[in-house]
Amino acid sequence: MNTGTIIMIVLLIGLLVWRLRPVKGVRTITTAQLKGELADKNKQFVDVRTPGEFKGNSIKGFKNIPLDQLPNKASTLSKDREVVVICQSGMRSARAAKILKNLGFKNITNVKGGMSAWR
């Protein structure tokens, strides 16, 4: 391998690690912990998967706001209440948490493992 290839690999790995790091100030919970929080009416539960994914399998009490629509529909959520986000694996919900943080939401929780970990 030449030096240019090694530099590119290192940069790609660095970018991947940077993208996967947890968002500062965002709480992370497991699906087991989520089960204990679903009855809390002071929380807003948002599923950021596509409408088709949501229709196929969803958790009662979650509102579907697809990730690509979140910046435009975040105004339907209250910044004064905790927002719990979920997706299929936890990747899109981590991005959703970052979007919400950038929009001024303070109390955000990401469900680790997403629907893939839900039983």
PDB file of N, CA and C in Angstrom:
ATOM      1  N   MET A   1       0.829  -1.184   0.000  1.00  0.00           N
ATOM      2  CA  MET A   1       0.000   0.000   0.000  1.00  0.00           C
ATOM      3  C   MET A   1       0.873   1.246   0.000  1.00  0.00           C
ATOM      4  N   ASN A   2       0.435   2.230  -0.762  1.00  0.00           N
ATOM      5  CA  ASN A   2       1.209   3.466  -0.755  1.00  0.00           C
ATOM      6  C   ASN A   2       0.681   4.420   0.322  1.00  0.00           C
ATOM      7  N   THR A   3       1.404   5.467   0.562  1.00  0.00           N
ATOM      8  CA  THR A   3       1.074   6.416   1.628  1.00  0.00           C
ATOM      9  C   THR A   3      -0.290   7.054   1.407  1.00  0.00           C
ATOM     10  N   GLY A   4      -0.625   7.371   0.179  1.00  0.00           N
ATOM     11  CA  GLY A   4      -1.925   7.994  -0.125  1.00  0.00           C
ATOM     12  C   GLY A   4      -3.093   7.094   0.249  1.00  0.00           C
ATOM     13  N   THR A   5      -2.969   5.807  -0.031  1.00  0.00           N
ATOM     14  CA  THR A   5      -4.020   4.847   0.310  1.00  0.00           C
ATOM     15  C   THR A   5      -4.172   4.734   1.820  1.00  0.00           C
ATOM     16  N   ILE A   6      -3.063   4.684   2.521  1.00  0.00           N
ATOM     17  CA  ILE A   6      -3.102   4.591   3.985  1.00  0.00           C
ATOM     18  C   ILE A   6      -3.764   5.837   4.586  1.00  0.00           C
ATOM     19  N   ILE A   7      -3.410   6.991   4.071  1.00  0.00           N
ATOM     20  CA  ILE A   7      -4.018   8.237   4.559  1.00  0.00           C
ATOM     21  C   ILE A   7      -5.525   8.227   4.314  1.00  0.00           C
ATOM     22  N   MET A   8      -5.952   7.784   3.146  1.00  0.00           N
ATOM     23  CA  MET A   8      -7.387   7.722   2.832  1.00  0.00           C
ATOM     24  C   MET A   8      -8.119   6.770   3.779  1.00  0.00           C
ATOM     25  N   ILE A   9      -7.533   5.611   4.063  1.00  0.00           N
ATOM     26  CA  ILE A   9      -8.145   4.639   4.973  1.00  0.00           C
ATOM     27  C   ILE A   9      -8.263   5.230   6.364  1.00  0.00           C
ATOM     28  N   VAL A  10      -7.212   5.880   6.837  1.00  0.00           N
ATOM     29  CA  VAL A  10      -7.233   6.502   8.164  1.00  0.00           C
ATOM     30  C   VAL A  10      -8.297   7.591   8.228  1.00  0.00           C
ATOM     31  N   LEU A  11      -8.395   8.401   7.185  1.00  0.00           N
ATOM     32  CA  LEU A  11      -9.407   9.458   7.147  1.00  0.00           C
ATOM     33  C   LEU A  11     -10.823   8.881   7.151  1.00  0.00           C
ATOM     34  N   LEU A  12     -11.050   7.817   6.388  1.00  0.00           N
ATOM     35  CA  LEU A  12     -12.366   7.182   6.354  1.00  0.00           C
ATOM     36  C   LEU A  12     -12.728   6.578   7.707  1.00  0.00           C
ATOM     37  N   ILE A  13     -11.775   5.937   8.353  1.00  0.00           N
ATOM     38  CA  ILE A  13     -12.027   5.373   9.678  1.00  0.00           C
ATOM     39  C   ILE A  13     -12.316   6.494  10.671  1.00  0.00           C
ATOM     40  N   GLY A  14     -11.545   7.567  10.593  1.00  0.00           N
ATOM     41  CA  GLY A  14     -11.772   8.719  11.466  1.00  0.00           C
ATOM     42  C   GLY A  14     -13.150   9.318  11.268  1.00  0.00           C
ATOM     43  N   LEU A  15     -13.574   9.457  10.022  1.00  0.00           N
ATOM     44  CA  LEU A  15     -14.901   9.990   9.723  1.00  0.00           C
ATOM     45  C   LEU A  15     -15.991   9.081  10.275  1.00  0.00           C
ATOM     46  N   LEU A  16     -15.819   7.780  10.108  1.00  0.00           N
ATOM     47  CA  LEU A  16     -16.793   6.814  10.620  1.00  0.00           C
ATOM     48  C   LEU A  16     -16.895   6.899  12.141  1.00  0.00           C
ATOM     49  N   VAL A  17     -15.764   6.932  12.823  1.00  0.00           N
ATOM     50  CA  VAL A  17     -15.755   7.044  14.289  1.00  0.00           C
ATOM     51  C   VAL A  17     -16.423   8.354  14.716  1.00  0.00           C
ATOM     52  N   TRP A  18     -16.104   9.446  14.029  1.00  0.00           N
ATOM     53  CA  TRP A  18     -16.693  10.747  14.352  1.00  0.00           C
ATOM     54  C   TRP A  18     -18.211  10.716  14.178  1.00  0.00           C
ATOM     55  N   ARG A  19     -18.706  10.092  13.127  1.00  0.00           N
ATOM     56  CA  ARG A  19     -20.149  10.015  12.860  1.00  0.00           C
ATOM     57  C   ARG A  19     -20.867   9.129  13.874  1.00  0.00           C
ATOM     58  N   LEU A  20     -20.192   8.117  14.417  1.00  0.00           N
ATOM     59  CA  LEU A  20     -20.826   7.166  15.320  1.00  0.00           C
ATOM     60  C   LEU A  20     -20.727   7.561  16.795  1.00  0.00           C
ATOM     61  N   ARG A  21     -19.960   8.598  17.097  1.00  0.00           N
ATOM     62  CA  ARG A  21     -19.814   8.975  18.494  1.00  0.00           C
ATOM     63  C   ARG A  21     -21.141   9.482  19.044  1.00  0.00           C
ATOM     64  N   PRO A  22     -21.395   9.253  20.324  1.00  0.00           N
ATOM     65  CA  PRO A  22     -22.656   9.712  20.897  1.00  0.00           C
ATOM     66  C   PRO A  22     -22.725  11.235  20.927  1.00  0.00           C
ATOM     67  N   VAL A  23     -23.929  11.751  20.803  1.00  0.00           N
ATOM     68  CA  VAL A  23     -24.138  13.190  20.845  1.00  0.00           C
ATOM     69  C   VAL A  23     -24.048  13.639  22.299  1.00  0.00           C
ATOM     70  N   LYS A  24     -23.250  14.650  22.545  1.00  0.00           N
ATOM     71  CA  LYS A  24     -23.075  15.164  23.894  1.00  0.00           C
ATOM     72  C   LYS A  24     -24.410  15.704  24.409  1.00  0.00           C
ATOM     73  N   GLY A  25     -24.761  15.295  25.621  1.00  0.00           N
ATOM     74  CA  GLY A  25     -25.988  15.785  26.231  1.00  0.00           C
ATOM     75  C   GLY A  25     -27.226  14.974  25.869  1.00  0.00           C
ATOM     76  N   VAL A  26     -27.052  13.874  25.145  1.00  0.00           N
ATOM     77  CA  VAL A  26     -28.176  13.012  24.788  1.00  0.00           C
ATOM     78  C   VAL A  26     -28.081  11.736  25.626  1.00  0.00           C
ATOM     79  N   ARG A  27     -29.154  11.428  26.315  1.00  0.00           N
ATOM     80  CA  ARG A  27     -29.204  10.220  27.134  1.00  0.00           C
ATOM     81  C   ARG A  27     -29.446   9.010  26.232  1.00  0.00           C
ATOM     82  N   THR A  28     -28.852   7.893  26.570  1.00  0.00           N
ATOM     83  CA  THR A  28     -29.054   6.647  25.826  1.00  0.00           C
ATOM     84  C   THR A  28     -29.655   5.618  26.769  1.00  0.00           C
ATOM     85  N   ILE A  29     -30.716   4.939  26.290  1.00  0.00           N
ATOM     86  CA  ILE A  29     -31.345   3.881  27.080  1.00  0.00           C
ATOM     87  C   ILE A  29     -31.467   2.621  26.238  1.00  0.00           C
ATOM     88  N   THR A  30     -31.660   1.508  26.911  1.00  0.00           N
ATOM     89  CA  THR A  30     -31.899   0.237  26.223  1.00  0.00           C
ATOM     90  C   THR A  30     -33.398   0.083  25.992  1.00  0.00           C
ATOM     91  N   THR A  31     -33.765  -0.909  25.207  1.00  0.00           N
ATOM     92  CA  THR A  31     -35.191  -1.162  24.993  1.00  0.00           C
ATOM     93  C   THR A  31     -35.843  -1.659  26.282  1.00  0.00           C
ATOM     94  N   ALA A  32     -35.088  -2.344  27.120  1.00  0.00           N
ATOM     95  CA  ALA A  32     -35.634  -2.785  28.419  1.00  0.00           C
ATOM     96  C   ALA A  32     -35.973  -1.570  29.279  1.00  0.00           C
ATOM     97  N   GLN A  33     -35.115  -0.559  29.273  1.00  0.00           N
ATOM     98  CA  GLN A  33     -35.391   0.666  30.026  1.00  0.00           C
ATOM     99  C   GLN A  33     -36.573   1.413  29.411  1.00  0.00           C
ATOM    100  N   LEU A  34     -36.677   1.373  28.085  1.00  0.00           N
ATOM    101  CA  LEU A  34     -37.785   2.038  27.408  1.00  0.00           C
ATOM    102  C   LEU A  34     -39.125   1.499  27.887  1.00  0.00           C
ATOM    103  N   LYS A  35     -39.214   0.200  28.075  1.00  0.00           N
ATOM    104  CA  LYS A  35     -40.469  -0.412  28.528  1.00  0.00           C
ATOM    105  C   LYS A  35     -40.961   0.224  29.816  1.00  0.00           C
ATOM    106  N   GLY A  36     -40.049   0.610  30.698  1.00  0.00           N
ATOM    107  CA  GLY A  36     -40.423   1.236  31.948  1.00  0.00           C
ATOM    108  C   GLY A  36     -40.792   2.701  31.820  1.00  0.00           C
ATOM    109  N   GLU A  37     -40.522   3.293  30.666  1.00  0.00           N
ATOM    110  CA  GLU A  37     -40.783   4.718  30.465  1.00  0.00           C
ATOM    111  C   GLU A  37     -41.980   5.003  29.566  1.00  0.00           C
ATOM    112  N   LEU A  38     -42.514   3.982  28.912  1.00  0.00           N
ATOM    113  CA  LEU A  38     -43.595   4.198  27.941  1.00  0.00           C
ATOM    114  C   LEU A  38     -44.855   4.811  28.527  1.00  0.00           C
ATOM    115  N   ALA A  39     -45.120   4.593  29.799  1.00  0.00           N
ATOM    116  CA  ALA A  39     -46.339   5.118  30.415  1.00  0.00           C
ATOM    117  C   ALA A  39     -46.201   6.579  30.823  1.00  0.00           C
ATOM    118  N   ASP A  40     -45.017   7.150  30.713  1.00  0.00           N
ATOM    119  CA  ASP A  40     -44.783   8.537  31.129  1.00  0.00           C
ATOM    120  C   ASP A  40     -45.385   9.501  30.110  1.00  0.00           C
ATOM    121  N   LYS A  41     -46.462  10.150  30.489  1.00  0.00           N
ATOM    122  CA  LYS A  41     -47.180  11.065  29.586  1.00  0.00           C
ATOM    123  C   LYS A  41     -46.441  12.384  29.371  1.00  0.00           C
ATOM    124  N   ASN A  42     -45.389  12.633  30.157  1.00  0.00           N
ATOM    125  CA  ASN A  42     -44.617  13.866  29.992  1.00  0.00           C
ATOM    126  C   ASN A  42     -43.549  13.735  28.918  1.00  0.00           C
ATOM    127  N   LYS A  43     -43.401  12.535  28.355  1.00  0.00           N
ATOM    128  CA  LYS A  43     -42.402  12.299  27.321  1.00  0.00           C
ATOM    129  C   LYS A  43     -43.061  12.230  25.953  1.00  0.00           C
ATOM    130  N   GLN A  44     -42.305  12.622  24.947  1.00  0.00           N
ATOM    131  CA  GLN A  44     -42.746  12.536  23.563  1.00  0.00           C
ATOM    132  C   GLN A  44     -41.941  11.422  22.904  1.00  0.00           C
ATOM    133  N   PHE A  45     -42.627  10.479  22.314  1.00  0.00           N
ATOM    134  CA  PHE A  45     -41.979   9.323  21.710  1.00  0.00           C
ATOM    135  C   PHE A  45     -42.043   9.445  20.192  1.00  0.00           C
ATOM    136  N   VAL A  46     -40.865   9.454  19.555  1.00  0.00           N
ATOM    137  CA  VAL A  46     -40.787   9.680  18.112  1.00  0.00           C
ATOM    138  C   VAL A  46     -40.008   8.542  17.452  1.00  0.00           C
ATOM    139  N   ASP A  47     -40.619   7.949  16.437  1.00  0.00           N
ATOM    140  CA  ASP A  47     -40.009   6.907  15.622  1.00  0.00           C
ATOM    141  C   ASP A  47     -39.594   7.567  14.306  1.00  0.00           C
ATOM    142  N   VAL A  48     -38.295   7.563  14.001  1.00  0.00           N
ATOM    143  CA  VAL A  48     -37.799   8.278  12.825  1.00  0.00           C
ATOM    144  C   VAL A  48     -37.603   7.379  11.599  1.00  0.00           C
ATOM    145  N   ARG A  49     -38.171   6.179  11.630  1.00  0.00           N
ATOM    146  CA  ARG A  49     -38.094   5.287  10.464  1.00  0.00           C
ATOM    147  C   ARG A  49     -39.058   5.767   9.387  1.00  0.00           C
ATOM    148  N   THR A  50     -39.001   5.124   8.241  1.00  0.00           N
ATOM    149  CA  THR A  50     -39.900   5.464   7.138  1.00  0.00           C
ATOM    150  C   THR A  50     -41.330   5.071   7.505  1.00  0.00           C
ATOM    151  N   PRO A  51     -42.333   5.665   6.846  1.00  0.00           N
ATOM    152  CA  PRO A  51     -43.723   5.275   7.123  1.00  0.00           C
ATOM    153  C   PRO A  51     -43.968   3.782   6.915  1.00  0.00           C
ATOM    154  N   GLY A  52     -43.329   3.181   5.900  1.00  0.00           N
ATOM    155  CA  GLY A  52     -43.500   1.745   5.651  1.00  0.00           C
ATOM    156  C   GLY A  52     -42.951   0.897   6.790  1.00  0.00           C
ATOM    157  N   GLU A  53     -41.783   1.267   7.299  1.00  0.00           N
ATOM    158  CA  GLU A  53     -41.198   0.545   8.437  1.00  0.00           C
ATOM    159  C   GLU A  53     -42.096   0.692   9.667  1.00  0.00           C
ATOM    160  N   PHE A  54     -42.566   1.912   9.882  1.00  0.00           N
ATOM    161  CA  PHE A  54     -43.412   2.200  11.043  1.00  0.00           C
ATOM    162  C   PHE A  54     -44.721   1.416  10.976  1.00  0.00           C
ATOM    163  N   LYS A  55     -45.318   1.381   9.790  1.00  0.00           N
ATOM    164  CA  LYS A  55     -46.579   0.661   9.611  1.00  0.00           C
ATOM    165  C   LYS A  55     -46.395  -0.841   9.840  1.00  0.00           C
ATOM    166  N   GLY A  56     -45.246  -1.376   9.431  1.00  0.00           N
ATOM    167  CA  GLY A  56     -44.989  -2.802   9.566  1.00  0.00           C
ATOM    168  C   GLY A  56     -44.802  -3.258  11.000  1.00  0.00           C
ATOM    169  N   ASN A  57     -44.245  -2.394  11.847  1.00  0.00           N
ATOM    170  CA  ASN A  57     -43.973  -2.756  13.234  1.00  0.00           C
ATOM    171  C   ASN A  57     -43.652  -1.481  14.004  1.00  0.00           C
ATOM    172  N   SER A  58     -44.473  -1.166  14.981  1.00  0.00           N
ATOM    173  CA  SER A  58     -44.222   0.035  15.771  1.00  0.00           C
ATOM    174  C   SER A  58     -44.638  -0.191  17.220  1.00  0.00           C
ATOM    175  N   ILE A  59     -44.207   0.722  18.067  1.00  0.00           N
ATOM    176  CA  ILE A  59     -44.520   0.653  19.485  1.00  0.00           C
ATOM    177  C   ILE A  59     -45.640   1.642  19.774  1.00  0.00           C
ATOM    178  N   LYS A  60     -46.673   1.170  20.458  1.00  0.00           N
ATOM    179  CA  LYS A  60     -47.804   2.016  20.795  1.00  0.00           C
ATOM    180  C   LYS A  60     -47.319   3.246  21.570  1.00  0.00           C
ATOM    181  N   GLY A  61     -47.808   4.396  21.156  1.00  0.00           N
ATOM    182  CA  GLY A  61     -47.439   5.653  21.802  1.00  0.00           C
ATOM    183  C   GLY A  61     -46.383   6.434  21.046  1.00  0.00           C
ATOM    184  N   PHE A  62     -45.729   5.796  20.062  1.00  0.00           N
ATOM    185  CA  PHE A  62     -44.723   6.493  19.266  1.00  0.00           C
ATOM    186  C   PHE A  62     -45.380   7.183  18.080  1.00  0.00           C
ATOM    187  N   LYS A  63     -44.909   8.383  17.783  1.00  0.00           N
ATOM    188  CA  LYS A  63     -45.354   9.173  16.638  1.00  0.00           C
ATOM    189  C   LYS A  63     -44.306   8.999  15.542  1.00  0.00           C
ATOM    190  N   ASN A  64     -44.742   8.787  14.314  1.00  0.00           N
ATOM    191  CA  ASN A  64     -43.809   8.611  13.203  1.00  0.00           C
ATOM    192  C   ASN A  64     -43.468   9.952  12.571  1.00  0.00           C
ATOM    193  N   ILE A  65     -42.214  10.344  12.691  1.00  0.00           N
ATOM    194  CA  ILE A  65     -41.678  11.506  11.972  1.00  0.00           C
ATOM    195  C   ILE A  65     -40.394  11.009  11.309  1.00  0.00           C
ATOM    196  N   PRO A  66     -40.465  10.647  10.021  1.00  0.00           N
ATOM    197  CA  PRO A  66     -39.275  10.132   9.340  1.00  0.00           C
ATOM    198  C   PRO A  66     -38.090  11.100   9.462  1.00  0.00           C
ATOM    199  N   LEU A  67     -36.903  10.553   9.557  1.00  0.00           N
ATOM    200  CA  LEU A  67     -35.699  11.354   9.767  1.00  0.00           C
ATOM    201  C   LEU A  67     -35.581  12.498   8.767  1.00  0.00           C
ATOM    202  N   ASP A  68     -35.861  12.227   7.495  1.00  0.00           N
ATOM    203  CA  ASP A  68     -35.707  13.277   6.480  1.00  0.00           C
ATOM    204  C   ASP A  68     -36.727  14.408   6.635  1.00  0.00           C
ATOM    205  N   GLN A  69     -37.797  14.178   7.394  1.00  0.00           N
ATOM    206  CA  GLN A  69     -38.813  15.209   7.624  1.00  0.00           C
ATOM    207  C   GLN A  69     -38.651  15.893   8.980  1.00  0.00           C
ATOM    208  N   LEU A  70     -37.774  15.364   9.825  1.00  0.00           N
ATOM    209  CA  LEU A  70     -37.629  15.864  11.191  1.00  0.00           C
ATOM    210  C   LEU A  70     -37.297  17.357  11.272  1.00  0.00           C
ATOM    211  N   PRO A  71     -36.361  17.877  10.476  1.00  0.00           N
ATOM    212  CA  PRO A  71     -36.070  19.309  10.600  1.00  0.00           C
ATOM    213  C   PRO A  71     -37.304  20.195  10.360  1.00  0.00           C
ATOM    214  N   ASN A  72     -38.176  19.776   9.456  1.00  0.00           N
ATOM    215  CA  ASN A  72     -39.374  20.562   9.149  1.00  0.00           C
ATOM    216  C   ASN A  72     -40.528  20.302  10.103  1.00  0.00           C
ATOM    217  N   LYS A  73     -40.563  19.129  10.736  1.00  0.00           N
ATOM    218  CA  LYS A  73     -41.686  18.774  11.609  1.00  0.00           C
ATOM    219  C   LYS A  73     -41.341  18.849  13.100  1.00  0.00           C
ATOM    220  N   ALA A  74     -40.124  19.229  13.421  1.00  0.00           N
ATOM    221  CA  ALA A  74     -39.718  19.321  14.830  1.00  0.00           C
ATOM    222  C   ALA A  74     -40.561  20.341  15.584  1.00  0.00           C
ATOM    223  N   SER A  75     -41.120  21.300  14.872  1.00  0.00           N
ATOM    224  CA  SER A  75     -41.956  22.321  15.520  1.00  0.00           C
ATOM    225  C   SER A  75     -43.243  21.727  16.092  1.00  0.00           C
ATOM    226  N   THR A  76     -43.587  20.498  15.716  1.00  0.00           N
ATOM    227  CA  THR A  76     -44.773  19.838  16.273  1.00  0.00           C
ATOM    228  C   THR A  76     -44.475  19.239  17.646  1.00  0.00           C
ATOM    229  N   LEU A  77     -43.193  19.284  18.039  1.00  0.00           N
ATOM    230  CA  LEU A  77     -42.765  18.743  19.328  1.00  0.00           C
ATOM    231  C   LEU A  77     -42.499  19.897  20.301  1.00  0.00           C
ATOM    232  N   SER A  78     -42.696  19.625  21.575  1.00  0.00           N
ATOM    233  CA  SER A  78     -42.441  20.628  22.606  1.00  0.00           C
ATOM    234  C   SER A  78     -40.990  20.548  23.070  1.00  0.00           C
ATOM    235  N   LYS A  79     -40.329  21.690  23.110  1.00  0.00           N
ATOM    236  CA  LYS A  79     -38.953  21.733  23.599  1.00  0.00           C
ATOM    237  C   LYS A  79     -38.904  21.629  25.120  1.00  0.00           C
ATOM    238  N   ASP A  80     -40.047  21.748  25.762  1.00  0.00           N
ATOM    239  CA  ASP A  80     -40.123  21.692  27.226  1.00  0.00           C
ATOM    240  C   ASP A  80     -40.274  20.270  27.766  1.00  0.00           C
ATOM    241  N   ARG A  81     -40.499  19.313  26.876  1.00  0.00           N
ATOM    242  CA  ARG A  81     -40.688  17.918  27.296  1.00  0.00           C
ATOM    243  C   ARG A  81     -39.620  17.039  26.662  1.00  0.00           C
ATOM    244  N   GLU A  82     -39.261  15.972  27.362  1.00  0.00           N
ATOM    245  CA  GLU A  82     -38.265  15.036  26.854  1.00  0.00           C
ATOM    246  C   GLU A  82     -38.757  14.390  25.562  1.00  0.00           C
ATOM    247  N   VAL A  83     -37.839  14.229  24.616  1.00  0.00           N
ATOM    248  CA  VAL A  83     -38.126  13.542  23.359  1.00  0.00           C
ATOM    249  C   VAL A  83     -37.324  12.246  23.345  1.00  0.00           C
ATOM    250  N   VAL A  84     -38.016  11.118  23.186  1.00  0.00           N
ATOM    251  CA  VAL A  84     -37.380   9.807  23.098  1.00  0.00           C
ATOM    252  C   VAL A  84     -37.450   9.381  21.637  1.00  0.00           C
ATOM    253  N   VAL A  85     -36.280   9.130  21.019  1.00  0.00           N
ATOM    254  CA  VAL A  85     -36.253   8.774  19.601  1.00  0.00           C
ATOM    255  C   VAL A  85     -35.793   7.335  19.415  1.00  0.00           C
ATOM    256  N   ILE A  86     -36.410   6.686  18.416  1.00  0.00           N
ATOM    257  CA  ILE A  86     -36.073   5.306  18.078  1.00  0.00           C
ATOM    258  C   ILE A  86     -36.080   5.165  16.560  1.00  0.00           C
ATOM    259  N   CYS A  87     -35.312   4.190  16.067  1.00  0.00           N
ATOM    260  CA  CYS A  87     -35.325   3.841  14.641  1.00  0.00           C
ATOM    261  C   CYS A  87     -35.205   2.320  14.562  1.00  0.00           C
ATOM    262  N   GLN A  88     -34.611   1.808  13.510  1.00  0.00           N
ATOM    263  CA  GLN A  88     -34.479   0.354  13.386  1.00  0.00           C
ATOM    264  C   GLN A  88     -33.305  -0.187  14.195  1.00  0.00           C
ATOM    265  N   SER A  89     -32.171   0.524  14.146  1.00  0.00           N
ATOM    266  CA  SER A  89     -30.973   0.006  14.816  1.00  0.00           C
ATOM    267  C   SER A  89     -30.332   0.964  15.807  1.00  0.00           C
ATOM    268  N   GLY A  90     -30.715   2.220  15.761  1.00  0.00           N
ATOM    269  CA  GLY A  90     -30.118   3.231  16.635  1.00  0.00           C
ATOM    270  C   GLY A  90     -29.286   4.253  15.886  1.00  0.00           C
ATOM    271  N   MET A  91     -29.011   4.009  14.617  1.00  0.00           N
ATOM    272  CA  MET A  91     -28.194   4.933  13.823  1.00  0.00           C
ATOM    273  C   MET A  91     -28.980   6.188  13.432  1.00  0.00           C
ATOM    274  N   ARG A  92     -30.162   6.005  12.849  1.00  0.00           N
ATOM    275  CA  ARG A  92     -30.959   7.163  12.439  1.00  0.00           C
ATOM    276  C   ARG A  92     -31.439   7.956  13.647  1.00  0.00           C
ATOM    277  N   SER A  93     -31.766   7.248  14.734  1.00  0.00           N
ATOM    278  CA  SER A  93     -32.223   7.976  15.925  1.00  0.00           C
ATOM    279  C   SER A  93     -31.084   8.781  16.542  1.00  0.00           C
ATOM    280  N   ALA A  94     -29.844   8.313  16.415  1.00  0.00           N
ATOM    281  CA  ALA A  94     -28.693   9.095  16.874  1.00  0.00           C
ATOM    282  C   ALA A  94     -28.563  10.363  16.040  1.00  0.00           C
ATOM    283  N   ARG A  95     -28.787  10.248  14.731  1.00  0.00           N
ATOM    284  CA  ARG A  95     -28.763  11.440  13.869  1.00  0.00           C
ATOM    285  C   ARG A  95     -29.926  12.357  14.209  1.00  0.00           C
ATOM    286  N   ALA A  96     -31.088  11.763  14.512  1.00  0.00           N
ATOM    287  CA  ALA A  96     -32.254  12.562  14.904  1.00  0.00           C
ATOM    288  C   ALA A  96     -31.969  13.330  16.187  1.00  0.00           C
ATOM    289  N   ALA A  97     -31.304  12.685  17.133  1.00  0.00           N
ATOM    290  CA  ALA A  97     -30.955  13.346  18.394  1.00  0.00           C
ATOM    291  C   ALA A  97     -30.056  14.546  18.132  1.00  0.00           C
ATOM    292  N   LYS A  98     -29.123  14.382  17.219  1.00  0.00           N
ATOM    293  CA  LYS A  98     -28.214  15.480  16.865  1.00  0.00           C
ATOM    294  C   LYS A  98     -28.988  16.627  16.220  1.00  0.00           C
ATOM    295  N   ILE A  99     -29.924  16.305  15.334  1.00  0.00           N
ATOM    296  CA  ILE A  99     -30.754  17.327  14.694  1.00  0.00           C
ATOM    297  C   ILE A  99     -31.560  18.083  15.746  1.00  0.00           C
ATOM    298  N   LEU A 100     -32.203  17.338  16.643  1.00  0.00           N
ATOM    299  CA  LEU A 100     -33.011  17.975  17.684  1.00  0.00           C
ATOM    300  C   LEU A 100     -32.150  18.850  18.587  1.00  0.00           C
ATOM    301  N   LYS A 101     -30.973  18.387  18.928  1.00  0.00           N
ATOM    302  CA  LYS A 101     -30.044  19.161  19.761  1.00  0.00           C
ATOM    303  C   LYS A 101     -29.708  20.476  19.071  1.00  0.00           C
ATOM    304  N   ASN A 102     -29.422  20.401  17.778  1.00  0.00           N
ATOM    305  CA  ASN A 102     -29.093  21.608  17.008  1.00  0.00           C
ATOM    306  C   ASN A 102     -30.276  22.559  16.876  1.00  0.00           C
ATOM    307  N   LEU A 103     -31.491  22.033  17.015  1.00  0.00           N
ATOM    308  CA  LEU A 103     -32.696  22.864  16.938  1.00  0.00           C
ATOM    309  C   LEU A 103     -33.090  23.438  18.301  1.00  0.00           C
ATOM    310  N   GLY A 104     -32.309  23.140  19.325  1.00  0.00           N
ATOM    311  CA  GLY A 104     -32.554  23.732  20.631  1.00  0.00           C
ATOM    312  C   GLY A 104     -33.265  22.858  21.640  1.00  0.00           C
ATOM    313  N   PHE A 105     -33.505  21.596  21.306  1.00  0.00           N
ATOM    314  CA  PHE A 105     -34.112  20.679  22.268  1.00  0.00           C
ATOM    315  C   PHE A 105     -33.042  20.324  23.299  1.00  0.00           C
ATOM    316  N   LYS A 106     -33.429  20.276  24.554  1.00  0.00           N
ATOM    317  CA  LYS A 106     -32.460  20.047  25.628  1.00  0.00           C
ATOM    318  C   LYS A 106     -32.520  18.633  26.209  1.00  0.00           C
ATOM    319  N   ASN A 107     -33.700  18.033  26.242  1.00  0.00           N
ATOM    320  CA  ASN A 107     -33.896  16.753  26.914  1.00  0.00           C
ATOM    321  C   ASN A 107     -34.243  15.683  25.878  1.00  0.00           C
ATOM    322  N   ILE A 108     -33.213  14.986  25.396  1.00  0.00           N
ATOM    323  CA  ILE A 108     -33.370  14.016  24.305  1.00  0.00           C
ATOM    324  C   ILE A 108     -32.804  12.670  24.746  1.00  0.00           C
ATOM    325  N   THR A 109     -33.527  11.614  24.419  1.00  0.00           N
ATOM    326  CA  THR A 109     -33.085  10.253  24.734  1.00  0.00           C
ATOM    327  C   THR A 109     -33.110   9.413  23.461  1.00  0.00           C
ATOM    328  N   ASN A 110     -32.024   8.678  23.224  1.00  0.00           N
ATOM    329  CA  ASN A 110     -31.921   7.772  22.086  1.00  0.00           C
ATOM    330  C   ASN A 110     -32.047   6.341  22.591  1.00  0.00           C
ATOM    331  N   VAL A 111     -32.856   5.541  21.907  1.00  0.00           N
ATOM    332  CA  VAL A 111     -33.020   4.136  22.275  1.00  0.00           C
ATOM    333  C   VAL A 111     -31.972   3.304  21.544  1.00  0.00           C
ATOM    334  N   LYS A 112     -31.022   2.781  22.297  1.00  0.00           N
ATOM    335  CA  LYS A 112     -29.923   1.980  21.757  1.00  0.00           C
ATOM    336  C   LYS A 112     -30.455   0.663  21.182  1.00  0.00           C
ATOM    337  N   GLY A 113     -30.039   0.354  19.967  1.00  0.00           N
ATOM    338  CA  GLY A 113     -30.455  -0.917  19.344  1.00  0.00           C
ATOM    339  C   GLY A 113     -31.751  -0.821  18.583  1.00  0.00           C
ATOM    340  N   GLY A 114     -32.543   0.207  18.856  1.00  0.00           N
ATOM    341  CA  GLY A 114     -33.777   0.456  18.125  1.00  0.00           C
ATOM    342  C   GLY A 114     -34.755  -0.711  18.110  1.00  0.00           C
ATOM    343  N   MET A 115     -35.561  -0.745  17.067  1.00  0.00           N
ATOM    344  CA  MET A 115     -36.591  -1.773  16.930  1.00  0.00           C
ATOM    345  C   MET A 115     -35.979  -3.164  16.790  1.00  0.00           C
ATOM    346  N   SER A 116     -34.746  -3.237  16.314  1.00  0.00           N
ATOM    347  CA  SER A 116     -34.090  -4.542  16.195  1.00  0.00           C
ATOM    348  C   SER A 116     -33.888  -5.188  17.568  1.00  0.00           C
ATOM    349  N   ALA A 117     -33.766  -4.363  18.608  1.00  0.00           N
ATOM    350  CA  ALA A 117     -33.563  -4.874  19.973  1.00  0.00           C
ATOM    351  C   ALA A 117     -34.868  -4.982  20.750  1.00  0.00           C
ATOM    352  N   TRP A 118     -35.960  -4.457  20.175  1.00  0.00           N
ATOM    353  CA  TRP A 118     -37.267  -4.476  20.861  1.00  0.00           C
ATOM    354  C   TRP A 118     -37.864  -5.862  20.823  1.00  0.00           C
ATOM    355  N   ARG A 119     -38.361  -6.330  21.934  1.00  0.00           N
ATOM    356  CA  ARG A 119     -39.003  -7.646  21.994  1.00  0.00           C
ATOM    357  C   ARG A 119     -40.357  -7.500  22.628  1.00  0.00           C
TER     358      ARG A 119
END
